[in-house]
C-alpha atoms as a PDB file:
ATOM      1  CA  SER A   1       0.000   0.000   0.000  1.00  0.00           C
ATOM      2  CA  THR A   2       1.102   3.599  -0.729  1.00  0.00           C
ATOM      3  CA  PRO A   3       1.997   5.699   2.297  1.00  0.00           C
ATOM      4  CA  THR A   4      -0.435   8.535   3.107  1.00  0.00           C
ATOM      5  CA  SER A   5       2.282  11.171   2.826  1.00  0.00           C
ATOM      6  CA  VAL A   6       2.912  10.174  -0.799  1.00  0.00           C
ATOM      7  CA  ILE A   7      -0.815  10.199  -1.558  1.00  0.00           C
ATOM      8  CA  GLU A   8      -1.126  13.620   0.097  1.00  0.00           C
ATOM      9  CA  LYS A   9       1.803  14.960  -1.971  1.00  0.00           C
ATOM     10  CA  LEU A  10       0.236  13.586  -5.160  1.00  0.00           C
ATOM     11  CA  ARG A  11      -3.097  15.223  -4.304  1.00  0.00           C
ATOM     12  CA  ASN A  12      -1.354  18.539  -3.568  1.00  0.00           C
ATOM     13  CA  ALA A  13       0.589  18.325  -6.833  1.00  0.00           C
ATOM     14  CA  GLU A  14      -2.634  17.534  -8.699  1.00  0.00           C
ATOM     15  CA  ASP A  15      -4.417  20.471  -7.004  1.00  0.00           C
ATOM     16  CA  GLU A  16      -1.553  22.816  -7.895  1.00  0.00           C
ATOM     17  CA  ALA A  17      -1.572  21.651 -11.514  1.00  0.00           C
ATOM     18  CA  ILE A  18      -5.336  22.177 -11.743  1.00  0.00           C
ATOM     19  CA  ASN A  19      -5.051  25.638 -10.135  1.00  0.00           C
ATOM     20  CA  LYS A  20      -2.275  26.635 -12.561  1.00  0.00           C
ATOM     21  CA  ALA A  21      -4.306  25.338 -15.502  1.00  0.00           C
ATOM     22  CA  LEU A  22      -7.349  27.306 -14.314  1.00  0.00           C
ATOM     23  CA  ILE A  23      -5.266  30.464 -13.894  1.00  0.00           C
ATOM     24  CA  VAL A  24      -3.838  30.068 -17.412  1.00  0.00           C
ATOM     25  CA  ARG A  25      -7.327  29.401 -18.802  1.00  0.00           C
ATOM     26  CA  GLN A  26      -8.684  32.467 -16.992  1.00  0.00           C
ATOM     27  CA  LYS A  27      -5.827  34.635 -18.274  1.00  0.00           C
ATOM     28  CA  ILE A  28      -6.458  33.477 -21.854  1.00  0.00           C
ATOM     29  CA  ALA A  29     -10.175  34.178 -21.475  1.00  0.00           C
ATOM     30  CA  GLU A  30      -9.443  37.650 -20.082  1.00  0.00           C
ATOM     31  CA  GLU A  31      -7.044  38.387 -22.956  1.00  0.00           C
ATOM     32  CA  LYS A  32      -9.662  37.269 -25.502  1.00  0.00           C
ATOM     33  CA  LEU A  33     -12.283  39.408 -23.772  1.00  0.00           C
ATOM     34  CA  GLN A  34      -9.932  42.396 -23.710  1.00  0.00           C
ATOM     35  CA  ALA A  35      -9.146  41.944 -27.412  1.00  0.00           C
ATOM     36  CA  ARG A  36     -12.862  41.673 -28.230  1.00  0.00           C
ATOM     37  CA  LEU A  37     -13.677  44.777 -26.193  1.00  0.00           C
ATOM     38  CA  GLU A  38     -10.872  46.731 -27.856  1.00  0.00           C
ATOM     39  CA  ALA A  39     -12.080  45.590 -31.301  1.00  0.00           C
ATOM     40  CA  GLU A  40     -15.644  46.602 -30.439  1.00  0.00           C
ATOM     41  CA  ALA A  41     -14.461  49.971 -29.130  1.00  0.00           C
ATOM     42  CA  LYS A  42     -12.434  50.536 -32.298  1.00  0.00           C
ATOM     43  CA  ALA A  43     -15.391  49.548 -34.488  1.00  0.00           C
ATOM     44  CA  HIS A  44     -17.665  51.850 -32.488  1.00  0.00           C
ATOM     45  CA  LYS A  45     -15.212  54.733 -32.788  1.00  0.00           C
ATOM     46  CA  GLU A  46     -14.912  54.164 -36.552  1.00  0.00           C
ATOM     47  CA  ALA A  47     -18.706  53.983 -36.901  1.00  0.00           C
ATOM     48  CA  MET A  48     -19.105  57.213 -34.932  1.00  0.00           C
ATOM     49  CA  GLU A  49     -16.484  58.917 -37.096  1.00  0.00           C
ATOM     50  CA  ALA A  50     -18.185  57.671 -40.271  1.00  0.00           C
ATOM     51  CA  GLU A  51     -21.530  58.950 -38.970  1.00  0.00           C
ATOM     52  CA  ARG A  52     -19.988  62.332 -38.134  1.00  0.00           C
ATOM     53  CA  ILE A  53     -18.502  62.576 -41.628  1.00  0.00           C
ATOM     54  CA  ARG A  54     -21.822  61.542 -43.189  1.00  0.00           C
ATOM     55  CA  LYS A  55     -23.678  64.224 -41.223  1.00  0.00           C
ATOM     56  CA  GLU A  56     -21.080  66.845 -42.174  1.00  0.00           C
ATOM     57  CA  ASP A  57     -21.422  65.867 -45.828  1.00  0.00           C
ATOM     58  CA  GLU A  58     -25.219  66.080 -45.613  1.00  0.00           C
ATOM     59  CA  ALA A  59     -25.037  69.485 -43.931  1.00  0.00           C
ATOM     60  CA  ARG A  60     -22.537  70.724 -46.507  1.00  0.00           C
ATOM     61  CA  ALA A  61     -24.734  69.460 -49.371  1.00  0.00           C
ATOM     62  CA  ALA A  62     -27.822  71.115 -47.845  1.00  0.00           C
ATOM     63  CA  LEU A  63     -25.937  74.393 -47.439  1.00  0.00           C
ATOM     64  CA  ILE A  64     -24.667  74.321 -51.018  1.00  0.00           C
ATOM     65  CA  ARG A  65     -28.166  73.502 -52.273  1.00  0.00           C
ATOM     66  CA  ALA A  66     -29.660  76.376 -50.274  1.00  0.00           C
ATOM     67  CA  ARG A  67     -27.004  78.784 -51.571  1.00  0.00           C
ATOM     68  CA  LEU A  68     -27.635  77.671 -55.151  1.00  0.00           C
ATOM     69  CA  VAL A  69     -31.419  78.056 -54.796  1.00  0.00           C
ATOM     70  CA  ILE A  70     -30.981  81.601 -53.457  1.00  0.00           C
ATOM     71  CA  TYR A  71     -28.463  82.322 -56.218  1.00  0.00           C
ATOM     72  CA  TYR A  72     -30.842  81.192 -58.968  1.00  0.00           C
ATOM     73  CA  LYS A  73     -33.775  83.053 -57.372  1.00  0.00           C
ATOM     74  CA  THR A  74     -31.679  86.193 -57.783  1.00  0.00           C
ATOM     75  CA  HIS A  75     -29.993  85.552 -61.150  1.00  0.00           C
ATOM     76  CA  ASN A  76     -32.254  83.151 -63.079  1.00  0.00           C
ATOM     77  CA  PRO A  77     -35.538  82.205 -61.327  1.00  0.00           C
ATOM     78  CA  GLU A  78     -36.525  79.735 -64.089  1.00  0.00           C
ATOM     79  CA  LYS A  79     -33.611  77.469 -63.071  1.00  0.00           C
ATOM     80  CA  VAL A  80     -34.627  77.118 -59.396  1.00  0.00           C
ATOM     81  CA  ASP A  81     -36.491  73.878 -60.189  1.00  0.00           C
ATOM     82  CA  THR A  82     -33.354  72.375 -61.783  1.00  0.00           C
ATOM     83  CA  VAL A  83     -31.032  72.879 -58.805  1.00  0.00           C
ATOM     84  CA  ASP A  84     -31.079  69.177 -57.830  1.00  0.00           C
ATOM     85  CA  LYS A  85     -30.228  68.083 -61.380  1.00  0.00           C
ATOM     86  CA  ILE A  86     -27.430  70.635 -61.555  1.00  0.00           C
ATOM     87  CA  LEU A  87     -25.984  69.484 -58.234  1.00  0.00           C
ATOM     88  CA  GLU A  88     -26.235  65.859 -59.330  1.00  0.00           C
ATOM     89  CA  LYS A  89     -24.401  66.699 -62.553  1.00  0.00           C
ATOM     90  CA  TYR A  90     -21.561  68.511 -60.778  1.00  0.00           C
ATOM     91  CA  GLY A  91     -21.388  66.309 -57.664  1.00  0.00           C
ATOM     92  CA  ASP A  92     -18.375  67.303 -55.566  1.00  0.00           C
ATOM     93  CA  ARG A  93     -17.175  69.758 -58.224  1.00  0.00           C
ATOM     94  CA  THR A  94     -19.146  72.719 -56.894  1.00  0.00           C
ATOM     95  CA  ASP A  95     -16.075  74.902 -57.353  1.00  0.00           C
ATOM     96  CA  LEU A  96     -16.267  74.277 -61.120  1.00  0.00           C
ATOM     97  CA  LEU A  97     -19.993  75.104 -61.080  1.00  0.00           C
ATOM     98  CA  ASP A  98     -19.219  78.286 -59.167  1.00  0.00           C
ATOM     99  CA  ILE A  99     -16.619  79.336 -61.760  1.00  0.00           C
ATOM    100  CA  LYS A 100     -19.060  78.735 -64.615  1.00  0.00           C
ATOM    101  CA  LEU A 101     -21.868  80.643 -62.882  1.00  0.00           C
ATOM    102  CA  LYS A 102     -19.539  83.508 -62.051  1.00  0.00           C
ATOM    103  CA  ARG A 103     -18.523  83.685 -65.713  1.00  0.00           C
ATOM    104  CA  LYS A 104     -22.156  83.567 -66.860  1.00  0.00           C
ATOM    105  CA  TYR A 105     -23.831  85.839 -64.285  1.00  0.00           C
ATOM    106  CA  GLY A 106     -20.894  87.794 -62.894  1.00  0.00           C
ATOM    107  CA  ALA A 107     -21.373  86.613 -59.314  1.00  0.00           C
ATOM    108  CA  SER A 108     -20.339  83.627 -57.246  1.00  0.00           C
ATOM    109  CA  PHE A 109     -22.729  81.476 -55.200  1.00  0.00           C
ATOM    110  CA  LEU A 110     -19.992  80.171 -52.917  1.00  0.00           C
ATOM    111  CA  PRO A 111     -18.494  82.443 -50.268  1.00  0.00           C
ATOM    112  CA  PRO A 112     -15.013  83.693 -51.035  1.00  0.00           C
ATOM    113  CA  VAL A 113     -12.199  81.744 -49.420  1.00  0.00           C
ATOM    114  CA  PRO A 114     -10.028  84.097 -47.356  1.00  0.00           C
ATOM    115  CA  HIS A 115      -6.397  84.202 -48.347  1.00  0.00           C
ATOM    116  CA  MET A 116      -4.244  82.879 -45.537  1.00  0.00           C
ATOM    117  CA  THR A 117      -0.772  84.302 -45.227  1.00  0.00           C
ATOM    118  CA  PRO A 118       1.721  81.949 -43.635  1.00  0.00           C
ATOM    119  CA  ILE A 119       3.150  82.944 -40.284  1.00  0.00           C
ATOM    120  CA  ILE A 120       6.880  83.418 -40.445  1.00  0.00           C
ATOM    121  CA  LEU A 121       8.683  82.583 -37.224  1.00  0.00           C
ATOM    122  CA  SER A 122      12.139  83.622 -36.212  1.00  0.00           C
ATOM    123  CA  ALA A 123      14.786  80.911 -36.184  1.00  0.00           C
ATOM    124  CA  LYS A 124      14.937  81.125 -32.385  1.00  0.00           C
ATOM    125  CA  THR A 125      11.166  80.643 -32.022  1.00  0.00           C
ATOM    126  CA  ASN A 126      11.164  77.863 -34.604  1.00  0.00           C
ATOM    127  CA  ASN A 127      13.970  76.016 -32.759  1.00  0.00           C
ATOM    128  CA  PHE A 128      12.158  76.449 -29.450  1.00  0.00           C
ATOM    129  CA  LEU A 129       8.896  75.029 -30.832  1.00  0.00           C
ATOM    130  CA  SER A 130      10.753  72.149 -32.485  1.00  0.00           C
ATOM    131  CA  SER A 131      12.480  71.240 -29.219  1.00  0.00           C
ATOM    132  CA  MET A 132       9.130  71.374 -27.383  1.00  0.00           C
ATOM    133  CA  ASN A 133       7.565  69.097 -29.969  1.00  0.00           C
ATOM    134  CA  HIS A 134      10.501  66.691 -29.733  1.00  0.00           C
ATOM    135  CA  GLY A 135      10.241  66.638 -25.935  1.00  0.00           C
ATOM    136  CA  LEU A 136       6.504  65.940 -26.095  1.00  0.00           C
ATOM    137  CA  THR A 137       7.079  63.116 -28.561  1.00  0.00           C
ATOM    138  CA  ILE A 138       9.622  61.503 -26.230  1.00  0.00           C
ATOM    139  CA  LYS A 139       7.282  61.887 -23.225  1.00  0.00           C
ATOM    140  CA  LYS A 140       4.414  60.346 -25.206  1.00  0.00           C
ATOM    141  CA  LYS A 141       6.585  57.325 -26.066  1.00  0.00           C
ATOM    142  CA  GLN A 142       7.586  56.919 -22.406  1.00  0.00           C
ATOM    143  CA  ILE A 143       3.974  57.002 -21.250  1.00  0.00           C
ATOM    144  CA  LYS A 144       2.957  54.511 -23.935  1.00  0.00           C
ATOM    145  CA  GLN A 145       5.770  52.152 -22.913  1.00  0.00           C
ATOM    146  CA  SER A 146       4.845  52.348 -19.224  1.00  0.00           C
ATOM    147  CA  VAL A 147       1.192  51.625 -20.019  1.00  0.00           C
ATOM    148  CA  GLU A 148       2.195  48.634 -22.165  1.00  0.00           C
ATOM    149  CA  ALA A 149       4.537  47.395 -19.430  1.00  0.00           C
ATOM    150  CA  ARG A 150       1.651  47.393 -16.943  1.00  0.00           C
ATOM    151  CA  ARG A 151      -0.424  45.075 -19.123  1.00  0.00           C
END
């Protein structure tokens, strides 16, 4: 017969092996859950961004349509009913439509784009801003590494 101390050691070893296996299984399950949650969060963020862009595009299209309707009411009222066809024809090329209308009627339906003059910085200021940017980049990398190390 096997001594009780040997049987007890075997049971303890078996319990430890089962506990380690359960811990590994739990860790794998947690990692899978974390990956799934991150994927869902990324998908949600992308969907929200796509929705934001879609709404911006719709608002922009509505604004352009409204501007064109007002423009034709002023310059050629018979064409007001054809605004949708005109916009469909030109699509995203409203700048080309604006050029043609300006040539034909002498006025633009799009607001003028202000001319932006570039800001010229002194070499000293430019170097200072570059060093700040470099320092922030390094700090960002350090933070990212510490967060990854904690995982």
